[in-house]
Amino acid sequence: MAKLNANYEAVYILDPSLTEEATAALVAKFKGLVENNGTLAEVDEWGKRHLAYPINDLNEGYYVLMTFSSAPAFPQELDRIFRITDGVMRSLIVCKDD
C-alpha cells in the first residue's frame, strides 16, 4: 500500500546578492507552497554562509532548511519550482522516512 504522507527536508541556497526583501519574498513563496500542499513543520533560515566551492562565481549563499510532510508526488514538483526560480542557486530534497 502506498504512503499517504511522508516526512521531507528541503535545503535551498539563495543568491546572496538578492535584497533582504527579495530573499524574504522567496522564503515566503516556498513556505506558502509547502503549506498549500502539505504540512510545514519548520523553516530554519541559516543566513549567509560560505560555500564549499564557488557556484556561478559566488563564494557565499543564503541557506534555508524546511521540514515538512506531504504526499510523495509533491517533492518532485517543489524541486521543479526550485530549478526554474531565479535566485535559487542549489536545492536538495530528502525523504526522512525509511
PDB file of N, CA and C in Angstrom:
ATOM      1  N   MET A   1       0.836  -1.181   0.000  1.00  0.00           N
ATOM      2  CA  MET A   1       0.000   0.000   0.000  1.00  0.00           C
ATOM      3  C   MET A   1       0.884   1.248   0.000  1.00  0.00           C
ATOM      4  N   ALA A   2       0.541   2.233  -0.816  1.00  0.00           N
ATOM      5  CA  ALA A   2       1.333   3.450  -0.947  1.00  0.00           C
ATOM      6  C   ALA A   2       1.142   4.347   0.281  1.00  0.00           C
ATOM      7  N   LYS A   3       2.202   5.070   0.603  1.00  0.00           N
ATOM      8  CA  LYS A   3       2.126   6.008   1.717  1.00  0.00           C
ATOM      9  C   LYS A   3       1.274   7.213   1.339  1.00  0.00           C
ATOM     10  N   LEU A   4       0.491   7.685   2.277  1.00  0.00           N
ATOM     11  CA  LEU A   4      -0.289   8.893   2.036  1.00  0.00           C
ATOM     12  C   LEU A   4       0.554  10.140   2.238  1.00  0.00           C
ATOM     13  N   ASN A   5       1.363  10.158   3.285  1.00  0.00           N
ATOM     14  CA  ASN A   5       2.255  11.274   3.569  1.00  0.00           C
ATOM     15  C   ASN A   5       3.608  10.752   4.008  1.00  0.00           C
ATOM     16  N   ALA A   6       4.635  11.515   3.696  1.00  0.00           N
ATOM     17  CA  ALA A   6       5.988  11.187   4.126  1.00  0.00           C
ATOM     18  C   ALA A   6       6.643  12.471   4.638  1.00  0.00           C
ATOM     19  N   ASN A   7       7.686  12.317   5.449  1.00  0.00           N
ATOM     20  CA  ASN A   7       8.407  13.462   6.007  1.00  0.00           C
ATOM     21  C   ASN A   7       9.603  13.791   5.120  1.00  0.00           C
ATOM     22  N   TYR A   8       9.799  15.076   4.876  1.00  0.00           N
ATOM     23  CA  TYR A   8      10.868  15.536   3.990  1.00  0.00           C
ATOM     24  C   TYR A   8      11.627  16.691   4.616  1.00  0.00           C
ATOM     25  N   GLU A   9      12.864  16.858   4.152  1.00  0.00           N
ATOM     26  CA  GLU A   9      13.667  18.043   4.443  1.00  0.00           C
ATOM     27  C   GLU A   9      14.097  18.633   3.118  1.00  0.00           C
ATOM     28  N   ALA A  10      13.979  19.935   2.996  1.00  0.00           N
ATOM     29  CA  ALA A  10      14.435  20.627   1.796  1.00  0.00           C
ATOM     30  C   ALA A  10      15.413  21.711   2.221  1.00  0.00           C
ATOM     31  N   VAL A  11      16.586  21.708   1.614  1.00  0.00           N
ATOM     32  CA  VAL A  11      17.576  22.752   1.841  1.00  0.00           C
ATOM     33  C   VAL A  11      17.766  23.456   0.507  1.00  0.00           C
ATOM     34  N   TYR A  12      17.686  24.772   0.534  1.00  0.00           N
ATOM     35  CA  TYR A  12      17.969  25.515  -0.692  1.00  0.00           C
ATOM     36  C   TYR A  12      18.858  26.702  -0.390  1.00  0.00           C
ATOM     37  N   ILE A  13      19.650  27.086  -1.394  1.00  0.00           N
ATOM     38  CA  ILE A  13      20.597  28.180  -1.269  1.00  0.00           C
ATOM     39  C   ILE A  13      20.165  29.283  -2.218  1.00  0.00           C
ATOM     40  N   LEU A  14      19.962  30.462  -1.660  1.00  0.00           N
ATOM     41  CA  LEU A  14      19.560  31.619  -2.454  1.00  0.00           C
ATOM     42  C   LEU A  14      20.767  32.493  -2.766  1.00  0.00           C
ATOM     43  N   ASP A  15      20.661  33.233  -3.839  1.00  0.00           N
ATOM     44  CA  ASP A  15      21.707  34.159  -4.260  1.00  0.00           C
ATOM     45  C   ASP A  15      21.905  35.225  -3.175  1.00  0.00           C
ATOM     46  N   PRO A  16      23.128  35.412  -2.684  1.00  0.00           N
ATOM     47  CA  PRO A  16      23.349  36.378  -1.608  1.00  0.00           C
ATOM     48  C   PRO A  16      23.221  37.831  -2.058  1.00  0.00           C
ATOM     49  N   SER A  17      23.248  38.082  -3.364  1.00  0.00           N
ATOM     50  CA  SER A  17      23.143  39.453  -3.844  1.00  0.00           C
ATOM     51  C   SER A  17      21.698  39.949  -3.908  1.00  0.00           C
ATOM     52  N   LEU A  18      20.726  39.069  -3.606  1.00  0.00           N
ATOM     53  CA  LEU A  18      19.331  39.492  -3.544  1.00  0.00           C
ATOM     54  C   LEU A  18      19.134  40.441  -2.368  1.00  0.00           C
ATOM     55  N   THR A  19      18.197  41.360  -2.529  1.00  0.00           N
ATOM     56  CA  THR A  19      17.905  42.271  -1.416  1.00  0.00           C
ATOM     57  C   THR A  19      17.236  41.488  -0.293  1.00  0.00           C
ATOM     58  N   GLU A  20      17.194  42.088   0.866  1.00  0.00           N
ATOM     59  CA  GLU A  20      16.566  41.441   2.021  1.00  0.00           C
ATOM     60  C   GLU A  20      15.089  41.166   1.758  1.00  0.00           C
ATOM     61  N   GLU A  21      14.421  42.091   1.065  1.00  0.00           N
ATOM     62  CA  GLU A  21      13.004  41.920   0.742  1.00  0.00           C
ATOM     63  C   GLU A  21      12.804  40.789  -0.259  1.00  0.00           C
ATOM     64  N   ALA A  22      13.678  40.709  -1.266  1.00  0.00           N
ATOM     65  CA  ALA A  22      13.563  39.656  -2.278  1.00  0.00           C
ATOM     66  C   ALA A  22      13.814  38.284  -1.661  1.00  0.00           C
ATOM     67  N   THR A  23      14.786  38.207  -0.753  1.00  0.00           N
ATOM     68  CA  THR A  23      15.073  36.950  -0.065  1.00  0.00           C
ATOM     69  C   THR A  23      13.876  36.528   0.780  1.00  0.00           C
ATOM     70  N   ALA A  24      13.310  37.468   1.539  1.00  0.00           N
ATOM     71  CA  ALA A  24      12.141  37.163   2.371  1.00  0.00           C
ATOM     72  C   ALA A  24      10.952  36.748   1.505  1.00  0.00           C
ATOM     73  N   ALA A  25      10.805  37.362   0.327  1.00  0.00           N
ATOM     74  CA  ALA A  25       9.703  37.019  -0.569  1.00  0.00           C
ATOM     75  C   ALA A  25       9.851  35.592  -1.095  1.00  0.00           C
ATOM     76  N   LEU A  26      11.075  35.179  -1.448  1.00  0.00           N
ATOM     77  CA  LEU A  26      11.284  33.810  -1.932  1.00  0.00           C
ATOM     78  C   LEU A  26      11.045  32.792  -0.826  1.00  0.00           C
ATOM     79  N   VAL A  27      11.511  33.088   0.384  1.00  0.00           N
ATOM     80  CA  VAL A  27      11.286  32.175   1.508  1.00  0.00           C
ATOM     81  C   VAL A  27       9.789  32.051   1.774  1.00  0.00           C
ATOM     82  N   ALA A  28       9.067  33.165   1.731  1.00  0.00           N
ATOM     83  CA  ALA A  28       7.615  33.140   1.949  1.00  0.00           C
ATOM     84  C   ALA A  28       6.908  32.387   0.823  1.00  0.00           C
ATOM     85  N   LYS A  29       7.402  32.532  -0.411  1.00  0.00           N
ATOM     86  CA  LYS A  29       6.805  31.826  -1.547  1.00  0.00           C
ATOM     87  C   LYS A  29       6.898  30.315  -1.355  1.00  0.00           C
ATOM     88  N   PHE A  30       8.092  29.828  -1.009  1.00  0.00           N
ATOM     89  CA  PHE A  30       8.281  28.384  -0.836  1.00  0.00           C
ATOM     90  C   PHE A  30       7.539  27.878   0.399  1.00  0.00           C
ATOM     91  N   LYS A  31       7.505  28.686   1.440  1.00  0.00           N
ATOM     92  CA  LYS A  31       6.774  28.309   2.652  1.00  0.00           C
ATOM     93  C   LYS A  31       5.287  28.159   2.339  1.00  0.00           C
ATOM     94  N   GLY A  32       4.720  29.106   1.596  1.00  0.00           N
ATOM     95  CA  GLY A  32       3.317  29.041   1.213  1.00  0.00           C
ATOM     96  C   GLY A  32       3.016  27.865   0.306  1.00  0.00           C
ATOM     97  N   LEU A  33       3.945  27.566  -0.592  1.00  0.00           N
ATOM     98  CA  LEU A  33       3.778  26.433  -1.499  1.00  0.00           C
ATOM     99  C   LEU A  33       3.700  25.123  -0.726  1.00  0.00           C
ATOM    100  N   VAL A  34       4.569  24.976   0.278  1.00  0.00           N
ATOM    101  CA  VAL A  34       4.553  23.763   1.099  1.00  0.00           C
ATOM    102  C   VAL A  34       3.286  23.705   1.942  1.00  0.00           C
ATOM    103  N   GLU A  35       2.875  24.828   2.509  1.00  0.00           N
ATOM    104  CA  GLU A  35       1.661  24.854   3.339  1.00  0.00           C
ATOM    105  C   GLU A  35       0.417  24.499   2.528  1.00  0.00           C
ATOM    106  N   ASN A  36       0.395  24.867   1.236  1.00  0.00           N
ATOM    107  CA  ASN A  36      -0.753  24.559   0.386  1.00  0.00           C
ATOM    108  C   ASN A  36      -0.785  23.091  -0.035  1.00  0.00           C
ATOM    109  N   ASN A  37       0.368  22.412  -0.001  1.00  0.00           N
ATOM    110  CA  ASN A  37       0.444  21.039  -0.495  1.00  0.00           C
ATOM    111  C   ASN A  37       0.819  20.018   0.569  1.00  0.00           C
ATOM    112  N   GLY A  38       0.961  20.443   1.799  1.00  0.00           N
ATOM    113  CA  GLY A  38       1.344  19.523   2.863  1.00  0.00           C
ATOM    114  C   GLY A  38       1.284  20.219   4.203  1.00  0.00           C
ATOM    115  N   THR A  39       2.061  19.700   5.140  1.00  0.00           N
ATOM    116  CA  THR A  39       2.112  20.257   6.489  1.00  0.00           C
ATOM    117  C   THR A  39       3.532  20.721   6.763  1.00  0.00           C
ATOM    118  N   LEU A  40       3.696  22.013   6.956  1.00  0.00           N
ATOM    119  CA  LEU A  40       5.009  22.586   7.224  1.00  0.00           C
ATOM    120  C   LEU A  40       5.326  22.437   8.703  1.00  0.00           C
ATOM    121  N   ALA A  41       6.451  21.812   9.020  1.00  0.00           N
ATOM    122  CA  ALA A  41       6.835  21.627  10.416  1.00  0.00           C
ATOM    123  C   ALA A  41       7.734  22.761  10.895  1.00  0.00           C
ATOM    124  N   GLU A  42       8.696  23.163  10.053  1.00  0.00           N
ATOM    125  CA  GLU A  42       9.673  24.158  10.492  1.00  0.00           C
ATOM    126  C   GLU A  42      10.357  24.798   9.297  1.00  0.00           C
ATOM    127  N   VAL A  43      10.666  26.086   9.418  1.00  0.00           N
ATOM    128  CA  VAL A  43      11.509  26.791   8.456  1.00  0.00           C
ATOM    129  C   VAL A  43      12.658  27.384   9.257  1.00  0.00           C
ATOM    130  N   ASP A  44      13.868  26.967   8.943  1.00  0.00           N
ATOM    131  CA  ASP A  44      15.053  27.428   9.669  1.00  0.00           C
ATOM    132  C   ASP A  44      15.952  28.175   8.692  1.00  0.00           C
ATOM    133  N   GLU A  45      16.028  29.489   8.849  1.00  0.00           N
ATOM    134  CA  GLU A  45      16.880  30.299   7.979  1.00  0.00           C
ATOM    135  C   GLU A  45      18.270  30.384   8.600  1.00  0.00           C
ATOM    136  N   TRP A  46      19.245  29.785   7.924  1.00  0.00           N
ATOM    137  CA  TRP A  46      20.610  29.769   8.436  1.00  0.00           C
ATOM    138  C   TRP A  46      21.357  31.049   8.091  1.00  0.00           C
ATOM    139  N   GLY A  47      20.876  31.794   7.120  1.00  0.00           N
ATOM    140  CA  GLY A  47      21.518  33.043   6.729  1.00  0.00           C
ATOM    141  C   GLY A  47      22.645  32.817   5.741  1.00  0.00           C
ATOM    142  N   LYS A  48      23.460  33.857   5.583  1.00  0.00           N
ATOM    143  CA  LYS A  48      24.571  33.777   4.627  1.00  0.00           C
ATOM    144  C   LYS A  48      25.690  32.927   5.201  1.00  0.00           C
ATOM    145  N   ARG A  49      26.151  31.988   4.373  1.00  0.00           N
ATOM    146  CA  ARG A  49      27.248  31.099   4.752  1.00  0.00           C
ATOM    147  C   ARG A  49      28.211  30.978   3.590  1.00  0.00           C
ATOM    148  N   HIS A  50      29.446  30.681   3.916  1.00  0.00           N
ATOM    149  CA  HIS A  50      30.469  30.466   2.899  1.00  0.00           C
ATOM    150  C   HIS A  50      30.234  29.115   2.226  1.00  0.00           C
ATOM    151  N   LEU A  51      30.315  29.082   0.899  1.00  0.00           N
ATOM    152  CA  LEU A  51      30.117  27.845   0.147  1.00  0.00           C
ATOM    153  C   LEU A  51      31.397  27.020   0.129  1.00  0.00           C
ATOM    154  N   ALA A  52      31.268  25.705   0.002  1.00  0.00           N
ATOM    155  CA  ALA A  52      32.424  24.819  -0.071  1.00  0.00           C
ATOM    156  C   ALA A  52      33.186  25.037  -1.378  1.00  0.00           C
ATOM    157  N   TYR A  53      32.465  25.410  -2.430  1.00  0.00           N
ATOM    158  CA  TYR A  53      33.080  25.692  -3.723  1.00  0.00           C
ATOM    159  C   TYR A  53      32.245  26.773  -4.402  1.00  0.00           C
ATOM    160  N   PRO A  54      32.839  27.559  -5.287  1.00  0.00           N
ATOM    161  CA  PRO A  54      32.089  28.639  -5.936  1.00  0.00           C
ATOM    162  C   PRO A  54      30.959  28.102  -6.825  1.00  0.00           C
ATOM    163  N   ILE A  55      29.815  28.752  -6.762  1.00  0.00           N
ATOM    164  CA  ILE A  55      28.686  28.467  -7.636  1.00  0.00           C
ATOM    165  C   ILE A  55      28.379  29.762  -8.373  1.00  0.00           C
ATOM    166  N   ASN A  56      28.422  29.718  -9.694  1.00  0.00           N
ATOM    167  CA  ASN A  56      28.187  30.908 -10.523  1.00  0.00           C
ATOM    168  C   ASN A  56      29.097  32.070 -10.089  1.00  0.00           C
ATOM    169  N   ASP A  57      30.345  31.761  -9.791  1.00  0.00           N
ATOM    170  CA  ASP A  57      31.353  32.729  -9.351  1.00  0.00           C
ATOM    171  C   ASP A  57      31.011  33.415  -8.035  1.00  0.00           C
ATOM    172  N   LEU A  58      30.155  32.812  -7.225  1.00  0.00           N
ATOM    173  CA  LEU A  58      29.821  33.345  -5.906  1.00  0.00           C
ATOM    174  C   LEU A  58      30.404  32.422  -4.843  1.00  0.00           C
ATOM    175  N   ASN A  59      30.908  33.015  -3.757  1.00  0.00           N
ATOM    176  CA  ASN A  59      31.531  32.233  -2.698  1.00  0.00           C
ATOM    177  C   ASN A  59      30.660  32.082  -1.453  1.00  0.00           C
ATOM    178  N   GLU A  60      29.491  32.708  -1.436  1.00  0.00           N
ATOM    179  CA  GLU A  60      28.588  32.528  -0.311  1.00  0.00           C
ATOM    180  C   GLU A  60      27.149  32.496  -0.815  1.00  0.00           C
ATOM    181  N   GLY A  61      26.263  31.988   0.042  1.00  0.00           N
ATOM    182  CA  GLY A  61      24.855  31.883  -0.306  1.00  0.00           C
ATOM    183  C   GLY A  61      24.002  31.973   0.943  1.00  0.00           C
ATOM    184  N   TYR A  62      22.709  32.204   0.758  1.00  0.00           N
ATOM    185  CA  TYR A  62      21.756  32.311   1.860  1.00  0.00           C
ATOM    186  C   TYR A  62      21.043  30.970   1.984  1.00  0.00           C
ATOM    187  N   TYR A  63      21.294  30.251   3.088  1.00  0.00           N
ATOM    188  CA  TYR A  63      20.774  28.897   3.289  1.00  0.00           C
ATOM    189  C   TYR A  63      19.439  28.906   4.022  1.00  0.00           C
ATOM    190  N   VAL A  64      18.518  28.030   3.579  1.00  0.00           N
ATOM    191  CA  VAL A  64      17.220  27.854   4.246  1.00  0.00           C
ATOM    192  C   VAL A  64      16.919  26.362   4.318  1.00  0.00           C
ATOM    193  N   LEU A  65      16.489  25.895   5.493  1.00  0.00           N
ATOM    194  CA  LEU A  65      16.096  24.496   5.705  1.00  0.00           C
ATOM    195  C   LEU A  65      14.609  24.466   6.032  1.00  0.00           C
ATOM    196  N   MET A  66      13.856  23.642   5.293  1.00  0.00           N
ATOM    197  CA  MET A  66      12.430  23.456   5.571  1.00  0.00           C
ATOM    198  C   MET A  66      12.186  21.992   5.892  1.00  0.00           C
ATOM    199  N   THR A  67      11.398  21.735   6.925  1.00  0.00           N
ATOM    200  CA  THR A  67      10.977  20.382   7.277  1.00  0.00           C
ATOM    201  C   THR A  67       9.469  20.327   7.091  1.00  0.00           C
ATOM    202  N   PHE A  68       8.993  19.315   6.346  1.00  0.00           N
ATOM    203  CA  PHE A  68       7.564  19.234   6.057  1.00  0.00           C
ATOM    204  C   PHE A  68       7.157  17.801   5.774  1.00  0.00           C
ATOM    205  N   SER A  69       5.848  17.570   5.767  1.00  0.00           N
ATOM    206  CA  SER A  69       5.312  16.285   5.332  1.00  0.00           C
ATOM    207  C   SER A  69       4.300  16.563   4.226  1.00  0.00           C
ATOM    208  N   SER A  70       4.280  15.654   3.250  1.00  0.00           N
ATOM    209  CA  SER A  70       3.381  15.835   2.108  1.00  0.00           C
ATOM    210  C   SER A  70       3.195  14.508   1.395  1.00  0.00           C
ATOM    211  N   ALA A  71       2.334  14.531   0.390  1.00  0.00           N
ATOM    212  CA  ALA A  71       2.164  13.366  -0.471  1.00  0.00           C
ATOM    213  C   ALA A  71       3.453  13.135  -1.254  1.00  0.00           C
ATOM    214  N   PRO A  72       3.748  11.905  -1.622  1.00  0.00           N
ATOM    215  CA  PRO A  72       5.008  11.596  -2.305  1.00  0.00           C
ATOM    216  C   PRO A  72       5.215  12.311  -3.644  1.00  0.00           C
ATOM    217  N   ALA A  73       4.166  12.773  -4.287  1.00  0.00           N
ATOM    218  CA  ALA A  73       4.323  13.439  -5.582  1.00  0.00           C
ATOM    219  C   ALA A  73       4.760  14.894  -5.451  1.00  0.00           C
ATOM    220  N   PHE A  74       4.523  15.530  -4.317  1.00  0.00           N
ATOM    221  CA  PHE A  74       4.808  16.959  -4.175  1.00  0.00           C
ATOM    222  C   PHE A  74       6.293  17.318  -4.229  1.00  0.00           C
ATOM    223  N   PRO A  75       7.207  16.577  -3.602  1.00  0.00           N
ATOM    224  CA  PRO A  75       8.620  16.980  -3.657  1.00  0.00           C
ATOM    225  C   PRO A  75       9.179  17.105  -5.080  1.00  0.00           C
ATOM    226  N   GLN A  76       8.689  16.298  -5.993  1.00  0.00           N
ATOM    227  CA  GLN A  76       9.135  16.407  -7.377  1.00  0.00           C
ATOM    228  C   GLN A  76       8.704  17.755  -7.974  1.00  0.00           C
ATOM    229  N   GLU A  77       7.488  18.177  -7.672  1.00  0.00           N
ATOM    230  CA  GLU A  77       7.006  19.469  -8.147  1.00  0.00           C
ATOM    231  C   GLU A  77       7.764  20.614  -7.474  1.00  0.00           C
ATOM    232  N   LEU A  78       8.043  20.491  -6.181  1.00  0.00           N
ATOM    233  CA  LEU A  78       8.807  21.506  -5.462  1.00  0.00           C
ATOM    234  C   LEU A  78      10.208  21.635  -6.045  1.00  0.00           C
ATOM    235  N   ASP A  79      10.835  20.511  -6.365  1.00  0.00           N
ATOM    236  CA  ASP A  79      12.163  20.526  -6.978  1.00  0.00           C
ATOM    237  C   ASP A  79      12.124  21.228  -8.329  1.00  0.00           C
ATOM    238  N   ARG A  80      11.085  20.983  -9.113  1.00  0.00           N
ATOM    239  CA  ARG A  80      10.942  21.642 -10.412  1.00  0.00           C
ATOM    240  C   ARG A  80      10.834  23.157 -10.230  1.00  0.00           C
ATOM    241  N   ILE A  81      10.078  23.588  -9.235  1.00  0.00           N
ATOM    242  CA  ILE A  81       9.903  25.020  -8.977  1.00  0.00           C
ATOM    243  C   ILE A  81      11.219  25.640  -8.490  1.00  0.00           C
ATOM    244  N   PHE A  82      11.966  24.915  -7.648  1.00  0.00           N
ATOM    245  CA  PHE A  82      13.291  25.403  -7.231  1.00  0.00           C
ATOM    246  C   PHE A  82      14.176  25.640  -8.454  1.00  0.00           C
ATOM    247  N   ARG A  83      14.175  24.694  -9.396  1.00  0.00           N
ATOM    248  CA  ARG A  83      15.059  24.788 -10.558  1.00  0.00           C
ATOM    249  C   ARG A  83      14.703  25.928 -11.495  1.00  0.00           C
ATOM    250  N   ILE A  84      13.418  26.305 -11.596  1.00  0.00           N
ATOM    251  CA  ILE A  84      13.040  27.358 -12.537  1.00  0.00           C
ATOM    252  C   ILE A  84      12.928  28.739 -11.891  1.00  0.00           C
ATOM    253  N   THR A  85      13.142  28.826 -10.592  1.00  0.00           N
ATOM    254  CA  THR A  85      13.037  30.112  -9.897  1.00  0.00           C
ATOM    255  C   THR A  85      14.379  30.837  -9.918  1.00  0.00           C
ATOM    256  N   ASP A  86      14.362  32.071 -10.423  1.00  0.00           N
ATOM    257  CA  ASP A  86      15.570  32.889 -10.401  1.00  0.00           C
ATOM    258  C   ASP A  86      15.928  33.212  -8.959  1.00  0.00           C
ATOM    259  N   GLY A  87      17.206  33.149  -8.643  1.00  0.00           N
ATOM    260  CA  GLY A  87      17.664  33.437  -7.294  1.00  0.00           C
ATOM    261  C   GLY A  87      17.976  32.192  -6.489  1.00  0.00           C
ATOM    262  N   VAL A  88      17.508  31.020  -6.922  1.00  0.00           N
ATOM    263  CA  VAL A  88      17.831  29.774  -6.230  1.00  0.00           C
ATOM    264  C   VAL A  88      19.063  29.174  -6.896  1.00  0.00           C
ATOM    265  N   MET A  89      20.144  29.065  -6.128  1.00  0.00           N
ATOM    266  CA  MET A  89      21.399  28.556  -6.686  1.00  0.00           C
ATOM    267  C   MET A  89      21.450  27.033  -6.653  1.00  0.00           C
ATOM    268  N   ARG A  90      21.053  26.426  -5.555  1.00  0.00           N
ATOM    269  CA  ARG A  90      21.049  24.966  -5.404  1.00  0.00           C
ATOM    270  C   ARG A  90      19.908  24.580  -4.474  1.00  0.00           C
ATOM    271  N   SER A  91      19.437  23.331  -4.613  1.00  0.00           N
ATOM    272  CA  SER A  91      18.420  22.827  -3.703  1.00  0.00           C
ATOM    273  C   SER A  91      18.573  21.320  -3.585  1.00  0.00           C
ATOM    274  N   LEU A  92      18.084  20.789  -2.459  1.00  0.00           N
ATOM    275  CA  LEU A  92      18.121  19.354  -2.210  1.00  0.00           C
ATOM    276  C   LEU A  92      16.921  19.001  -1.357  1.00  0.00           C
ATOM    277  N   ILE A  93      16.178  17.978  -1.775  1.00  0.00           N
ATOM    278  CA  ILE A  93      15.025  17.496  -1.016  1.00  0.00           C
ATOM    279  C   ILE A  93      15.294  16.041  -0.658  1.00  0.00           C
ATOM    280  N   VAL A  94      15.162  15.714   0.637  1.00  0.00           N
ATOM    281  CA  VAL A  94      15.470  14.380   1.127  1.00  0.00           C
ATOM    282  C   VAL A  94      14.265  13.854   1.896  1.00  0.00           C
ATOM    283  N   CYS A  95      13.904  12.586   1.649  1.00  0.00           N
ATOM    284  CA  CYS A  95      12.858  11.933   2.408  1.00  0.00           C
ATOM    285  C   CYS A  95      13.464  11.403   3.704  1.00  0.00           C
ATOM    286  N   LYS A  96      12.910  11.796   4.842  1.00  0.00           N
ATOM    287  CA  LYS A  96      13.454  11.380   6.139  1.00  0.00           C
ATOM    288  C   LYS A  96      12.940  10.015   6.578  1.00  0.00           C
ATOM    289  N   ASP A  97      11.863   9.516   5.945  1.00  0.00           N
ATOM    290  CA  ASP A  97      11.324   8.194   6.305  1.00  0.00           C
ATOM    291  C   ASP A  97      12.139   7.093   5.632  1.00  0.00           C
ATOM    292  N   ASP A  98      12.220   5.953   6.278  1.00  0.00           N
ATOM    293  CA  ASP A  98      12.962   4.831   5.694  1.00  0.00           C
ATOM    294  C   ASP A  98      12.093   3.991   4.801  1.00  0.00           C
TER     295      ASP A  98
END
